[in-house]
C-alpha cells in the first residue's frame, strides 16, 4: 500500500473511533434534550460521516482495482471534506472529554435537579458541536490561505562580531502542485521581497510529485529579490523526482543549488559561509563529507547551514563545528495541529521534537520553517505558511 494511502487510512481509523464516540453522545444528547432522534437527526449525523469517509474509501477502491493510489484522481471537494472531518472530529473530542468528565461531577455535587442538569449539558453540547463545525471550517480556510511572518534576531556569540546589517530570509517546502499554484507562490514571494533580504535560503521541496510543476515552482522562486541571491537545498520530494532535473531547472532560473557544497559571500567587510547538505529520509550526507564541509576554512565570520531535515546527527555536528544557524523545514510546522486538551497533536511529532519554531542551542540557532505548500493533506490548521526573517546583530 502506498505511503500516502496508508497515512490516510490511519487518519480514517482515528476519525471513525472519534465519530463512533461522538455519534453515541450525539444521539444520547438529542434524547436528553427532549427531542426525538428522528430521520432528520440521523441524517444530520450520518450524511457528514459518509462524506468525510468518501475519500479514503474511494482511495482503497482505486488501489484495489489499479494497484496504485493517485491523489489527483479525486475531486477536490472529497479531499477537503475528509481533512475537514479529521480536524472537526479531533477538536470535538475535547468537548466530548469535558462533557463526560464534568456532567457526573456536577450531578453528584451540585445538588441541582438531575433532569435539569441533563438538559443544560445536552443543549450546551449541541451548541458547542455546531460552533465547532463552523469554527474549524473557517479556521482551516484561514490558516490554509494566510502567510505568517516569523521575525527572529540572531545575536552573535560573545567574542565574535558581525559589523554589517544582514537580513536572512528562510523559507521551505514550496510544494508546487495543483493545490499550490502560481498565484499562491506569487503572494509568498511578495512577502519575502518585502523583507528586503540579503540572503534567501530555501530548505527543500520545490515540488510535491512528478515533473509537471517544476518549471512553475522555479519560475516563481526566480522572482525573489535578494542582494546575494537565492540558495536551495534538496528536499525529499525533489530527490524522489530527480535532483539532477530539479537542479538544472533551478540553475537556469538563477537559483544556486547547494547539494553537499559550500558557498562564500562577501557582505561588506564580513564573509559569510553557507553550507547546503542533502539530509533526507532516503539519503544522508556521508559523515566524512559533512566534516569536510563544516570544517572547511574560508575566513567566514558567520556560518549558516541549510538542510531539509534537521536530524539529531546534523544538529550535533553543526554545534560541534561552531555553525551559527541551522535552517530546515521538513515538518510544515505540523501542517495540521489539532489541540487535544490544549496540547497540539500532530503526526510530525512522532518523527522529531523540532516541529515548529526556533531554538537557541548554545551559540547556534535552529529554525524550522512551516513552509508554503502541502504534503498528503492540501490544508493547514494551526500551522499557516511562514516566512522566517532573521536579522543578525552583536551582543
Protein backbone atom coordinates (compact mmCIF):
# COMPACT_ATOMS: atom_id res chain seq x y z
CA UNK A 1 0.00 0.00 0.00
CA UNK A 2 1.41 3.44 -0.93
CA UNK A 3 2.62 5.59 1.97
CA UNK A 4 0.03 8.30 1.29
CA UNK A 5 -2.91 5.88 1.33
CA UNK A 6 -1.54 4.21 4.44
CA UNK A 7 -1.38 7.55 6.29
CA UNK A 8 -4.88 8.46 5.12
CA UNK A 9 -6.09 5.09 6.38
CA UNK A 10 -4.56 5.67 9.82
CA UNK A 11 -6.24 9.08 9.98
CA UNK A 12 -9.53 7.47 8.90
CA UNK A 13 -9.39 4.84 11.63
CA UNK A 14 -8.80 7.51 14.29
CA UNK A 15 -11.61 9.61 12.85
CA UNK A 16 -14.03 6.65 12.84
CA UNK A 17 -13.25 5.92 16.50
CA UNK A 18 -13.89 9.57 17.37
CA UNK A 19 -17.07 9.66 15.27
CA UNK A 20 -18.39 6.50 16.94
CA UNK A 21 -17.97 8.10 20.35
CA UNK A 22 -19.43 11.35 19.06
CA UNK A 23 -22.38 9.54 17.48
CA UNK A 24 -23.21 7.75 20.72
CA UNK A 25 -23.02 11.00 22.67
CA UNK A 26 -24.93 12.91 19.96
CA UNK A 27 -27.97 10.60 19.99
CA UNK A 28 -27.97 10.40 23.79
CA UNK A 29 -27.85 14.19 23.87
CA UNK A 30 -30.74 14.53 21.43
CA UNK A 31 -32.84 12.32 23.69
CA UNK A 32 -31.73 14.17 26.82
CA UNK A 33 -32.80 17.43 25.17
CA UNK A 34 -36.35 16.13 24.93
CA UNK A 35 -36.14 15.75 21.14
CA UNK A 36 -36.98 12.64 19.20
CA UNK A 37 -33.98 11.26 17.28
CA UNK A 38 -35.97 11.01 14.06
CA UNK A 39 -34.84 10.85 10.42
CA UNK A 40 -33.66 14.47 10.33
CA UNK A 41 -31.32 13.99 13.30
CA UNK A 42 -30.00 10.72 11.88
CA UNK A 43 -29.30 12.40 8.54
CA UNK A 44 -27.66 15.33 10.29
CA UNK A 45 -25.08 12.94 11.67
CA UNK A 46 -24.82 10.12 9.10
CA UNK A 47 -24.61 12.27 5.95
CA UNK A 48 -21.48 14.21 7.05
CA UNK A 49 -19.89 10.93 8.18
CA UNK A 50 -20.43 9.40 4.75
CA UNK A 51 -18.99 12.49 3.06
CA UNK A 52 -15.97 12.51 5.40
CA UNK A 53 -15.17 8.88 4.56
CA UNK A 54 -15.80 9.01 0.80
CA UNK A 55 -12.18 9.90 0.00
CA UNK A 56 -10.40 7.10 1.93
CA UNK A 57 -12.98 4.54 0.81
CA UNK A 58 -12.53 5.70 -2.79
CA UNK A 59 -8.76 5.51 -2.34
CA UNK A 60 -8.95 1.87 -1.28
CA UNK A 61 -11.27 1.06 -4.17
CA UNK A 62 -8.83 2.69 -6.58
CA UNK A 63 -5.91 0.79 -5.07
CA UNK A 64 -7.85 -2.50 -5.15
CA UNK A 65 -8.62 -2.22 -8.87
CA UNK A 66 -5.50 -0.46 -10.19
CA UNK A 67 -2.78 -1.31 -7.67
CA UNK A 68 -1.97 2.38 -7.23
CA UNK A 69 -3.28 5.47 -5.47
CA UNK A 70 -3.30 8.88 -7.13
CA UNK A 71 -4.30 11.96 -5.14
CA UNK A 72 -5.07 13.90 -8.34
CA UNK A 73 -7.66 11.34 -9.36
CA UNK A 74 -10.23 12.58 -6.85
CA UNK A 75 -12.49 15.65 -6.86
CA UNK A 76 -11.03 18.31 -4.59
CA UNK A 77 -14.21 18.60 -2.52
CA UNK A 78 -13.87 14.94 -1.42
CA UNK A 79 -10.28 15.53 -0.27
CA UNK A 80 -11.14 18.74 1.58
CA UNK A 81 -14.18 17.18 3.27
CA UNK A 82 -12.09 14.28 4.55
CA UNK A 83 -9.45 16.50 6.15
CA UNK A 84 -12.14 18.82 7.48
CA UNK A 85 -13.71 15.75 9.09
CA UNK A 86 -10.38 14.78 10.68
CA UNK A 87 -9.94 18.25 12.21
CA UNK A 88 -13.60 18.64 13.23
CA UNK A 89 -13.60 15.23 14.94
CA UNK A 90 -10.30 15.94 16.69
CA UNK A 91 -11.46 19.29 18.05
CA UNK A 92 -14.87 17.90 19.04
CA UNK A 93 -13.20 15.20 21.14
CA UNK A 94 -12.20 17.97 23.55
CA UNK A 95 -15.87 18.73 24.19
CA UNK A 96 -16.66 15.01 24.49
CA UNK A 97 -13.97 14.57 27.14
CA UNK A 98 -15.08 17.64 29.10
CA UNK A 99 -18.75 16.65 28.82
CA UNK A 100 -18.16 13.12 30.09
CA UNK A 101 -15.91 14.34 32.90
CA UNK A 102 -17.95 17.23 34.26
CA UNK A 103 -21.55 16.08 33.89
CA UNK A 104 -21.33 13.28 36.52
CA UNK A 105 -19.34 15.59 38.82
CA UNK A 106 -21.94 18.35 38.56
CA UNK A 107 -24.77 15.85 39.04
CA UNK A 108 -23.11 14.45 42.14
CA UNK A 109 -22.01 17.63 43.91
CA UNK A 110 -24.24 20.48 42.73
CA UNK A 111 -27.46 19.36 44.38
CA UNK A 112 -29.42 20.62 41.36
CA UNK A 113 -32.25 18.73 39.69
CA UNK A 114 -30.62 15.85 37.68
CA UNK A 115 -33.12 16.29 34.83
CA UNK A 116 -32.29 19.99 34.57
CA UNK A 117 -28.56 19.20 34.55
CA UNK A 118 -29.10 16.71 31.71
CA UNK A 119 -30.96 19.34 29.69
CA UNK A 120 -28.28 22.01 30.27
CA UNK A 121 -25.42 19.68 29.32
CA UNK A 122 -27.31 18.30 26.33
CA UNK A 123 -28.16 21.71 24.88
CA UNK A 124 -24.68 23.01 25.67
CA UNK A 125 -23.07 20.06 23.91
CA UNK A 126 -25.18 20.53 20.77
CA UNK A 127 -24.35 24.25 20.71
CA UNK A 128 -20.61 23.54 21.12
CA UNK A 129 -20.76 20.92 18.35
CA UNK A 130 -22.42 23.43 15.99
CA UNK A 131 -19.90 26.12 16.92
CA UNK A 132 -17.00 23.69 16.36
CA UNK A 133 -18.32 22.78 12.91
CA UNK A 134 -18.27 26.45 11.89
CA UNK A 135 -15.05 27.35 13.74
CA UNK A 136 -12.90 24.52 12.39
CA UNK A 137 -14.09 25.10 8.82
CA UNK A 138 -13.43 28.83 8.99
CA UNK A 139 -10.07 28.46 10.70
CA UNK A 140 -8.94 25.78 8.26
CA UNK A 141 -9.69 28.08 5.31
CA UNK A 142 -7.96 30.97 7.09
CA UNK A 143 -4.83 29.02 8.05
CA UNK A 144 -4.59 27.41 4.61
CA UNK A 145 -4.53 30.78 2.86
CA UNK A 146 -2.63 33.15 5.13
CA UNK A 147 1.13 33.67 5.31
CA UNK A 148 2.69 34.43 8.68
CA UNK A 149 5.96 36.29 9.20
CA UNK A 150 8.35 34.98 11.84
CA UNK A 151 10.71 37.74 12.98
CA UNK A 152 13.93 36.49 14.60
CA UNK A 153 17.11 38.16 15.80
CA UNK A 154 20.32 36.18 15.91
CA UNK A 155 22.89 37.57 18.36
CA UNK A 156 26.50 36.71 17.65
CA UNK A 157 28.27 34.73 20.40
CA UNK A 158 30.43 36.55 22.93
CA UNK A 159 33.81 37.38 21.44
CA UNK A 160 32.53 37.24 17.84
CA UNK A 161 31.42 40.27 15.88
CA UNK A 162 29.47 40.89 12.72
CA UNK A 163 29.65 44.55 11.86
CA UNK A 164 27.26 44.68 8.94
CA UNK A 165 23.50 44.82 8.77
CA UNK A 166 22.27 41.47 7.49
CA UNK A 167 18.79 40.09 6.79
CA UNK A 168 18.37 36.40 6.03
CA UNK A 169 15.04 35.04 4.81
CA UNK A 170 14.44 31.36 5.38
CA UNK A 171 11.62 29.61 3.53
CA UNK A 172 10.88 25.97 2.70
CA UNK A 173 8.54 23.40 1.19
CA UNK A 174 7.13 25.30 -1.76
CA UNK A 175 5.42 22.11 -2.99
CA UNK A 176 4.34 23.48 -6.34
CA UNK A 177 1.40 21.34 -7.47
CA UNK A 178 -2.28 21.59 -8.32
CA UNK A 179 -3.01 22.95 -4.83
CA UNK A 180 -0.08 25.40 -4.61
CA UNK A 181 -0.37 27.35 -7.82
CA UNK A 182 1.38 30.38 -9.29
CA UNK A 183 -0.89 32.90 -7.54
CA UNK A 184 -0.16 31.41 -4.11
CA UNK A 185 3.57 31.25 -4.80
CA UNK A 186 3.46 34.84 -6.03
CA UNK A 187 1.94 36.01 -2.74
CA UNK A 188 4.66 34.12 -0.89
CA UNK A 189 7.40 35.76 -2.96
CA UNK A 190 5.88 39.19 -2.32
CA UNK A 191 6.19 38.63 1.45
CA UNK A 192 9.81 37.50 1.00
CA UNK A 193 10.68 40.55 -1.09
CA UNK A 194 9.01 42.91 1.38
CA UNK A 195 11.63 41.86 3.95
CA UNK A 196 14.39 43.15 1.60
CA UNK A 197 16.62 40.13 2.19
CA UNK A 198 20.37 39.96 1.70
CA UNK A 199 20.29 36.15 1.55
CA UNK A 200 17.40 33.77 0.91
CA UNK A 201 17.66 30.08 1.78
CA UNK A 202 15.05 27.60 0.58
CA UNK A 203 15.16 24.40 2.64
CA UNK A 204 13.95 21.97 0.01
CA UNK A 205 10.85 20.51 -1.62
CA UNK A 206 10.26 22.71 -4.63
CA UNK A 207 7.57 20.35 -5.86
CA UNK A 208 5.26 17.65 -4.49
CA UNK A 209 5.49 14.95 -7.15
CA UNK A 210 6.07 14.44 -10.85
CA UNK A 211 7.64 16.87 -13.28
CA UNK A 212 4.61 18.94 -14.28
CA UNK A 213 5.11 21.77 -11.78
CA UNK A 214 8.92 22.06 -11.63
CA UNK A 215 9.06 24.91 -14.11
CA UNK A 216 6.27 26.84 -12.36
CA UNK A 217 7.95 26.46 -8.98
CA UNK A 218 11.36 27.54 -10.26
CA UNK A 219 9.87 30.47 -12.17
CA UNK A 220 8.10 31.71 -9.04
CA UNK A 221 11.26 31.45 -6.93
CA UNK A 222 13.21 33.34 -9.61
CA UNK A 223 11.09 36.41 -8.77
CA UNK A 224 12.72 36.64 -5.32
CA UNK A 225 14.87 39.75 -4.95
CA UNK A 226 17.91 39.19 -2.74
CA UNK A 227 21.20 41.08 -2.50
CA UNK A 228 23.35 37.96 -2.67
CA UNK A 229 20.95 35.57 -4.34
CA UNK A 230 18.78 32.58 -3.50
CA UNK A 231 20.25 29.28 -2.25
CA UNK A 232 18.39 25.99 -2.46
CA UNK A 233 18.98 22.62 -0.76
CA UNK A 234 17.28 19.43 -1.88
CA UNK A 235 14.17 18.08 -0.15
CA UNK A 236 12.75 14.58 -0.08
CA UNK A 237 10.25 15.23 -2.87
CA UNK A 238 12.92 16.85 -5.05
CA UNK A 239 15.17 13.84 -4.57
CA UNK A 240 12.39 11.35 -5.36
CA UNK A 241 11.53 13.13 -8.61
CA UNK A 242 15.19 13.63 -9.58
CA UNK A 243 17.67 16.03 -8.03
CA UNK A 244 19.55 16.49 -11.32
CA UNK A 245 16.42 17.67 -13.09
CA UNK A 246 15.44 19.96 -10.21
CA UNK A 247 18.94 21.46 -10.11
CA UNK A 248 19.02 22.01 -13.87
CA UNK A 249 15.74 23.95 -13.86
CA UNK A 250 16.60 26.00 -10.75
CA UNK A 251 20.06 26.97 -12.03
CA UNK A 252 18.52 28.02 -15.33
CA UNK A 253 16.31 30.39 -13.32
CA UNK A 254 19.25 31.90 -11.46
CA UNK A 255 18.96 29.97 -8.19
CA UNK A 256 22.09 28.44 -6.68
CA UNK A 257 21.70 24.80 -5.64
CA UNK A 258 23.93 23.61 -2.80
CA UNK A 259 23.94 19.83 -2.84
CA UNK A 260 26.58 18.92 -0.27
CA UNK A 261 28.53 22.06 -1.06
CA UNK A 262 29.75 25.36 0.42
CA UNK A 263 29.28 28.87 -0.91
CA UNK A 264 31.02 32.03 0.32
CA UNK A 265 29.61 35.55 0.21
CA UNK A 266 31.38 38.82 0.86
CA UNK A 267 28.93 41.14 2.58
CA UNK A 268 30.62 44.49 3.16
CA UNK A 269 33.62 43.75 5.35
CA UNK A 270 32.21 40.42 6.52
CA UNK A 271 32.40 36.98 4.93
CA UNK A 272 29.52 34.52 5.15
CA UNK A 273 29.74 30.78 4.62
CA UNK A 274 26.64 28.92 3.51
CA UNK A 275 26.70 25.12 3.68
CA UNK A 276 23.97 23.19 1.92
CA UNK A 277 23.56 19.48 2.65
CA UNK A 278 21.18 16.78 1.47
CA UNK A 279 19.82 15.16 4.63
CA UNK A 280 16.66 13.23 3.78
CA UNK A 281 14.71 10.07 4.56
CA UNK A 282 16.26 8.25 1.62
CA UNK A 283 19.68 9.89 1.53
CA UNK A 284 22.06 11.07 4.25
CA UNK A 285 25.18 13.06 3.63
CA UNK A 286 28.21 10.84 4.40
CA UNK A 287 29.86 11.73 7.72
CA UNK A 288 33.24 12.32 6.09
CA UNK A 289 31.79 14.75 3.55
CA UNK A 290 29.83 16.56 6.25
CA UNK A 291 33.03 17.08 8.24
CA UNK A 292 34.82 18.40 5.16
CA UNK A 293 32.10 20.96 4.54
CA UNK A 294 31.64 22.06 8.16
CA UNK A 295 35.35 22.45 8.94
CA UNK A 296 36.44 23.98 5.64
CA UNK A 297 38.10 27.32 6.42
CA UNK A 298 37.08 30.28 4.33
CA UNK A 299 37.68 33.22 6.64
CA UNK A 300 33.97 33.46 7.45
CA UNK A 301 32.56 35.39 10.37
CA UNK A 302 29.07 33.86 10.02
CA UNK A 303 28.31 30.22 9.15
CA UNK A 304 24.82 29.16 8.00
CA UNK A 305 23.83 25.54 7.39
CA UNK A 306 20.80 24.77 5.25
CA UNK A 307 19.23 21.31 5.26
CA UNK A 308 15.76 19.99 4.54
CA UNK A 309 15.87 17.77 7.61
CA UNK A 310 17.46 18.86 10.86
CA UNK A 311 18.36 15.39 12.12
CA UNK A 312 19.80 14.84 15.58
CA UNK A 313 23.11 13.92 13.96
CA UNK A 314 23.16 17.12 11.93
CA UNK A 315 22.28 19.27 14.94
CA UNK A 316 25.07 17.70 17.00
CA UNK A 317 27.70 18.00 14.26
CA UNK A 318 26.70 21.57 13.43
CA UNK A 319 27.02 22.68 17.05
CA UNK A 320 30.39 20.97 17.40
CA UNK A 321 31.63 22.76 14.27
CA UNK A 322 30.52 26.19 15.50
CA UNK A 323 27.71 26.70 12.98
CA UNK A 324 25.75 29.83 13.85
CA UNK A 325 22.41 28.96 12.22
CA UNK A 326 20.84 25.67 11.12
CA UNK A 327 17.82 26.25 8.89
CA UNK A 328 15.46 23.40 7.97
CA UNK A 329 11.80 22.63 7.44
CA UNK A 330 10.53 19.14 6.60
CA UNK A 331 7.62 19.21 9.07
CA UNK A 332 5.47 22.00 7.58
CA UNK A 333 5.09 23.11 11.20
CA UNK A 334 2.95 20.01 11.67
CA UNK A 335 0.58 21.37 8.98
CA UNK A 336 -2.48 20.04 10.85
CA UNK A 337 -2.13 20.62 14.60
CA UNK A 338 -5.29 19.58 16.45
CA UNK A 339 -5.36 20.50 20.16
CA UNK A 340 -6.37 17.63 22.41
CA UNK A 341 -6.91 19.05 25.91
CA UNK A 342 -4.98 22.17 24.80
CA UNK A 343 -1.94 20.20 23.57
CA UNK A 344 -1.37 20.45 19.80
CA UNK A 345 -1.23 16.92 18.40
CA UNK A 346 0.44 16.35 15.03
CA UNK A 347 1.87 13.34 13.25
CA UNK A 348 5.17 15.16 12.68
CA UNK A 349 5.92 14.99 16.42
CA UNK A 350 6.45 11.24 16.04
CA UNK A 351 9.47 11.97 13.84
CA UNK A 352 11.13 14.87 15.60
CA UNK A 353 10.73 17.11 18.66
CA UNK A 354 11.56 20.09 16.43
CA UNK A 355 8.22 20.50 14.68
CA UNK A 356 7.57 24.23 14.71
CA UNK A 357 9.51 27.28 15.86
CA UNK A 358 13.09 28.17 16.73
CA UNK A 359 15.50 27.02 19.42
CA UNK A 360 18.67 28.64 20.71
CA UNK A 361 21.10 25.77 21.25
CA UNK A 362 24.12 27.30 22.88
CA UNK A 363 25.54 29.61 20.21
CA UNK A 364 23.51 28.02 17.39
CA UNK A 365 20.03 29.00 16.24
CA UNK A 366 17.88 26.13 14.95
CA UNK A 367 14.91 27.31 12.93
CA UNK A 368 12.24 25.03 11.45
CA UNK A 369 10.13 26.87 8.91
CA UNK A 370 6.47 25.95 8.29
CA UNK A 371 6.94 26.18 4.53
CA UNK A 372 4.31 27.18 2.00
CA UNK A 373 2.75 24.12 0.41
CA UNK A 374 1.21 20.85 1.48
CA UNK A 375 2.02 17.18 1.69
CA UNK A 376 -0.65 14.49 1.93
CA UNK A 377 -3.34 16.96 3.07
CA UNK A 378 -3.98 20.13 1.00
CA UNK A 379 -4.98 22.10 4.11
CA UNK A 380 -3.41 23.67 7.19
CA UNK A 381 -4.70 24.05 10.73
CA UNK A 382 -2.82 25.96 13.45
CA UNK A 383 0.27 25.95 11.20
CA UNK A 384 -0.04 28.60 8.48
CA UNK A 385 2.50 29.11 5.72
CA UNK A 386 5.51 31.00 7.01
CA UNK A 387 8.35 33.29 6.01
CA UNK A 388 11.20 33.47 8.55
CA UNK A 389 13.09 36.77 8.67
CA UNK A 390 16.36 36.54 10.61
CA UNK A 391 18.36 39.65 11.40
CA UNK A 392 21.93 39.33 12.65
CA UNK A 393 23.36 41.53 15.42
CA UNK A 394 26.03 41.70 18.11
CA UNK A 395 25.61 41.24 21.87
